[in-house]
Amino acid sequence: LVSRALPHLKSLEVFNRLEQEEKTMITTNLIEFPHLATLILDDIHMDYTKQFLCRTHLPCLVELLIHYEPLSTIIAQHPEEARNNCSKIEFLYFVDVSTDPTDPLLNFFPTLHCKISKST
């Protein structure tokens, strides 16, 4: 596992458009990246978005780059699971859209200082 091999990893960029093959397999050990501050989920399948935001412990995550739709879907379908990892995010970057500053999705991020939309 990357989390064990690189326990002090501070930034991670994930590329994987393929669907997870072992979805039915339940992992009893929570994956943890204790020092990860920046997570870039620019070009990944929804399965991995859910894995990182809902089933991975990211206690230091303060910066997230992601597509709007997968984030919106995860928060709508799994708000309690995503809350822990999203509660400390200060910088949120959307890859694909500009969001209105009054977008209700942004209320999910209580410590958000800056929301930036990146054009592709």
C-alpha atoms as a PDB file:
ATOM      1  CA  LEU A   1       0.000   0.000   0.000  1.00  0.00           C
ATOM      2  CA  VAL A   2       1.130   3.501  -0.793  1.00  0.00           C
ATOM      3  CA  SER A   3       0.039   4.726   2.639  1.00  0.00           C
ATOM      4  CA  ARG A   4       2.397   2.275   4.374  1.00  0.00           C
ATOM      5  CA  ALA A   5       5.289   2.734   1.968  1.00  0.00           C
ATOM      6  CA  LEU A   6       5.108   6.528   2.137  1.00  0.00           C
ATOM      7  CA  PRO A   7       3.693   7.427   5.571  1.00  0.00           C
ATOM      8  CA  HIS A   8       4.944  11.030   5.417  1.00  0.00           C
ATOM      9  CA  LEU A   9       3.458  11.772   1.988  1.00  0.00           C
ATOM     10  CA  LYS A  10       2.129  15.344   1.896  1.00  0.00           C
ATOM     11  CA  SER A  11       0.790  15.576  -1.656  1.00  0.00           C
ATOM     12  CA  LEU A  12      -0.866  12.922  -3.818  1.00  0.00           C
ATOM     13  CA  GLU A  13      -2.144  13.099  -7.392  1.00  0.00           C
ATOM     14  CA  VAL A  14      -4.247  10.157  -8.597  1.00  0.00           C
ATOM     15  CA  PHE A  15      -4.924   9.183 -12.214  1.00  0.00           C
ATOM     16  CA  ASN A  16      -7.156   6.173 -12.821  1.00  0.00           C
ATOM     17  CA  ARG A  17     -10.235   6.236 -15.039  1.00  0.00           C
ATOM     18  CA  LEU A  18     -10.846   2.511 -14.621  1.00  0.00           C
ATOM     19  CA  GLU A  19     -13.564   1.223 -12.337  1.00  0.00           C
ATOM     20  CA  GLN A  20     -12.461  -0.671  -9.221  1.00  0.00           C
ATOM     21  CA  GLU A  21     -12.589  -4.419  -9.775  1.00  0.00           C
ATOM     22  CA  GLU A  22     -12.939  -5.540  -6.157  1.00  0.00           C
ATOM     23  CA  LYS A  23     -15.859  -3.337  -5.066  1.00  0.00           C
ATOM     24  CA  THR A  24     -17.570  -6.072  -3.079  1.00  0.00           C
ATOM     25  CA  MET A  25     -14.495  -6.700  -0.988  1.00  0.00           C
ATOM     26  CA  ILE A  26     -14.860  -4.998   2.384  1.00  0.00           C
ATOM     27  CA  THR A  27     -11.669  -3.536   3.758  1.00  0.00           C
ATOM     28  CA  THR A  28     -11.474  -3.795   7.518  1.00  0.00           C
ATOM     29  CA  ASN A  29      -8.279  -1.756   7.788  1.00  0.00           C
ATOM     30  CA  LEU A  30      -8.871   1.924   7.216  1.00  0.00           C
ATOM     31  CA  ILE A  31      -6.342   3.444   4.843  1.00  0.00           C
ATOM     32  CA  GLU A  32      -4.653   6.431   6.424  1.00  0.00           C
ATOM     33  CA  PHE A  33      -2.400   9.158   5.094  1.00  0.00           C
ATOM     34  CA  PRO A  34      -1.562  10.966   8.358  1.00  0.00           C
ATOM     35  CA  HIS A  35       0.381  13.838   6.761  1.00  0.00           C
ATOM     36  CA  LEU A  36      -1.372  14.253   3.403  1.00  0.00           C
ATOM     37  CA  ALA A  37      -2.282  17.919   2.964  1.00  0.00           C
ATOM     38  CA  THR A  38      -2.943  18.093  -0.795  1.00  0.00           C
ATOM     39  CA  LEU A  39      -5.073  15.649  -2.782  1.00  0.00           C
ATOM     40  CA  ILE A  40      -5.467  15.972  -6.548  1.00  0.00           C
ATOM     41  CA  LEU A  41      -8.290  13.873  -8.000  1.00  0.00           C
ATOM     42  CA  ASP A  42      -8.290  15.331 -11.484  1.00  0.00           C
ATOM     43  CA  ASP A  43      -8.774  12.334 -13.760  1.00  0.00           C
ATOM     44  CA  ILE A  44     -10.190   9.390 -11.793  1.00  0.00           C
ATOM     45  CA  HIS A  45     -13.196   7.089 -11.713  1.00  0.00           C
ATOM     46  CA  MET A  46     -15.945   7.853  -9.178  1.00  0.00           C
ATOM     47  CA  ASP A  47     -14.983   4.717  -7.206  1.00  0.00           C
ATOM     48  CA  TYR A  48     -11.657   6.289  -6.276  1.00  0.00           C
ATOM     49  CA  THR A  49     -13.248   9.610  -5.412  1.00  0.00           C
ATOM     50  CA  LYS A  50     -15.468   7.784  -2.936  1.00  0.00           C
ATOM     51  CA  GLN A  51     -12.510   5.757  -1.637  1.00  0.00           C
ATOM     52  CA  PHE A  52     -10.452   8.852  -0.857  1.00  0.00           C
ATOM     53  CA  LEU A  53     -13.212  11.095   0.469  1.00  0.00           C
ATOM     54  CA  CYS A  54     -15.226   8.506   2.410  1.00  0.00           C
ATOM     55  CA  ARG A  55     -13.052   5.498   3.245  1.00  0.00           C
ATOM     56  CA  THR A  56      -9.613   6.964   3.811  1.00  0.00           C
ATOM     57  CA  HIS A  57      -8.503   8.820   6.929  1.00  0.00           C
ATOM     58  CA  LEU A  58      -6.952  12.143   5.878  1.00  0.00           C
ATOM     59  CA  PRO A  59      -6.548  14.153   9.106  1.00  0.00           C
ATOM     60  CA  CYS A  60      -4.354  16.888   7.570  1.00  0.00           C
ATOM     61  CA  LEU A  61      -6.151  17.397   4.246  1.00  0.00           C
ATOM     62  CA  VAL A  62      -6.452  21.136   3.562  1.00  0.00           C
ATOM     63  CA  GLU A  63      -6.268  21.320  -0.242  1.00  0.00           C
ATOM     64  CA  LEU A  64      -8.404  19.435  -2.771  1.00  0.00           C
ATOM     65  CA  LEU A  65      -8.503  19.598  -6.566  1.00  0.00           C
ATOM     66  CA  ILE A  66     -11.474  17.720  -8.017  1.00  0.00           C
ATOM     67  CA  HIS A  67     -14.238  17.761 -10.630  1.00  0.00           C
ATOM     68  CA  TYR A  68     -17.462  19.357  -9.400  1.00  0.00           C
ATOM     69  CA  GLU A  69     -19.910  16.547 -10.289  1.00  0.00           C
ATOM     70  CA  PRO A  70     -18.168  13.661  -8.475  1.00  0.00           C
ATOM     71  CA  LEU A  71     -17.711  15.829  -5.391  1.00  0.00           C
ATOM     72  CA  SER A  72     -21.348  16.916  -5.471  1.00  0.00           C
ATOM     73  CA  THR A  73     -22.498  13.299  -5.868  1.00  0.00           C
ATOM     74  CA  ILE A  74     -20.324  12.005  -3.019  1.00  0.00           C
ATOM     75  CA  ILE A  75     -21.539  14.722  -0.653  1.00  0.00           C
ATOM     76  CA  ALA A  76     -25.186  14.139  -1.611  1.00  0.00           C
ATOM     77  CA  GLN A  77     -25.001  10.348  -1.275  1.00  0.00           C
ATOM     78  CA  HIS A  78     -22.515   9.957   1.596  1.00  0.00           C
ATOM     79  CA  PRO A  79     -22.442  13.200   3.624  1.00  0.00           C
ATOM     80  CA  GLU A  80     -21.502  11.662   6.959  1.00  0.00           C
ATOM     81  CA  GLU A  81     -18.714   9.553   5.483  1.00  0.00           C
ATOM     82  CA  ALA A  82     -17.237  12.506   3.584  1.00  0.00           C
ATOM     83  CA  ARG A  83     -17.617  15.058   6.379  1.00  0.00           C
ATOM     84  CA  ASN A  84     -14.448  14.159   8.301  1.00  0.00           C
ATOM     85  CA  ASN A  85     -12.143  14.566   5.326  1.00  0.00           C
ATOM     86  CA  CYS A  86     -13.888  17.643   3.950  1.00  0.00           C
ATOM     87  CA  SER A  87     -14.236  19.523   7.232  1.00  0.00           C
ATOM     88  CA  LYS A  88     -10.651  20.820   7.251  1.00  0.00           C
ATOM     89  CA  ILE A  89     -10.319  21.746   3.576  1.00  0.00           C
ATOM     90  CA  GLU A  90      -9.236  25.359   3.203  1.00  0.00           C
ATOM     91  CA  PHE A  91      -8.520  25.437  -0.533  1.00  0.00           C
ATOM     92  CA  LEU A  92     -10.898  23.818  -3.000  1.00  0.00           C
ATOM     93  CA  TYR A  93     -10.104  23.789  -6.714  1.00  0.00           C
ATOM     94  CA  PHE A  94     -12.656  22.729  -9.319  1.00  0.00           C
ATOM     95  CA  VAL A  95     -11.153  21.374 -12.512  1.00  0.00           C
ATOM     96  CA  ASP A  96     -14.133  21.790 -14.770  1.00  0.00           C
ATOM     97  CA  VAL A  97     -16.620  24.451 -13.694  1.00  0.00           C
ATOM     98  CA  SER A  98     -16.974  27.843 -12.146  1.00  0.00           C
ATOM     99  CA  THR A  99     -19.174  27.751  -9.081  1.00  0.00           C
ATOM    100  CA  ASP A 100     -21.308  30.483  -7.717  1.00  0.00           C
ATOM    101  CA  PRO A 101     -20.017  31.673  -4.319  1.00  0.00           C
ATOM    102  CA  THR A 102     -23.511  30.974  -2.952  1.00  0.00           C
ATOM    103  CA  ASP A 103     -23.486  27.329  -4.115  1.00  0.00           C
ATOM    104  CA  PRO A 104     -24.859  25.215  -1.212  1.00  0.00           C
ATOM    105  CA  LEU A 105     -22.130  22.640  -1.836  1.00  0.00           C
ATOM    106  CA  LEU A 106     -19.579  25.092  -0.453  1.00  0.00           C
ATOM    107  CA  ASN A 107     -21.371  25.062   2.928  1.00  0.00           C
ATOM    108  CA  PHE A 108     -20.062  21.525   3.376  1.00  0.00           C
ATOM    109  CA  PHE A 109     -16.567  23.006   3.847  1.00  0.00           C
ATOM    110  CA  PRO A 110     -16.639  25.036   7.089  1.00  0.00           C
ATOM    111  CA  THR A 111     -12.957  26.070   6.959  1.00  0.00           C
ATOM    112  CA  LEU A 112     -12.896  27.009   3.270  1.00  0.00           C
ATOM    113  CA  HIS A 113     -10.801  30.140   2.678  1.00  0.00           C
ATOM    114  CA  CYS A 114     -10.533  29.992  -1.068  1.00  0.00           C
ATOM    115  CA  LYS A 115     -12.462  28.328  -3.880  1.00  0.00           C
ATOM    116  CA  ILE A 116     -10.814  28.507  -7.278  1.00  0.00           C
ATOM    117  CA  SER A 117     -12.192  27.196 -10.535  1.00  0.00           C
ATOM    118  CA  LYS A 118      -9.565  25.995 -12.947  1.00  0.00           C
ATOM    119  CA  SER A 119     -10.300  25.934 -16.648  1.00  0.00           C
ATOM    120  CA  THR A 120      -9.360  22.793 -18.568  1.00  0.00           C
END
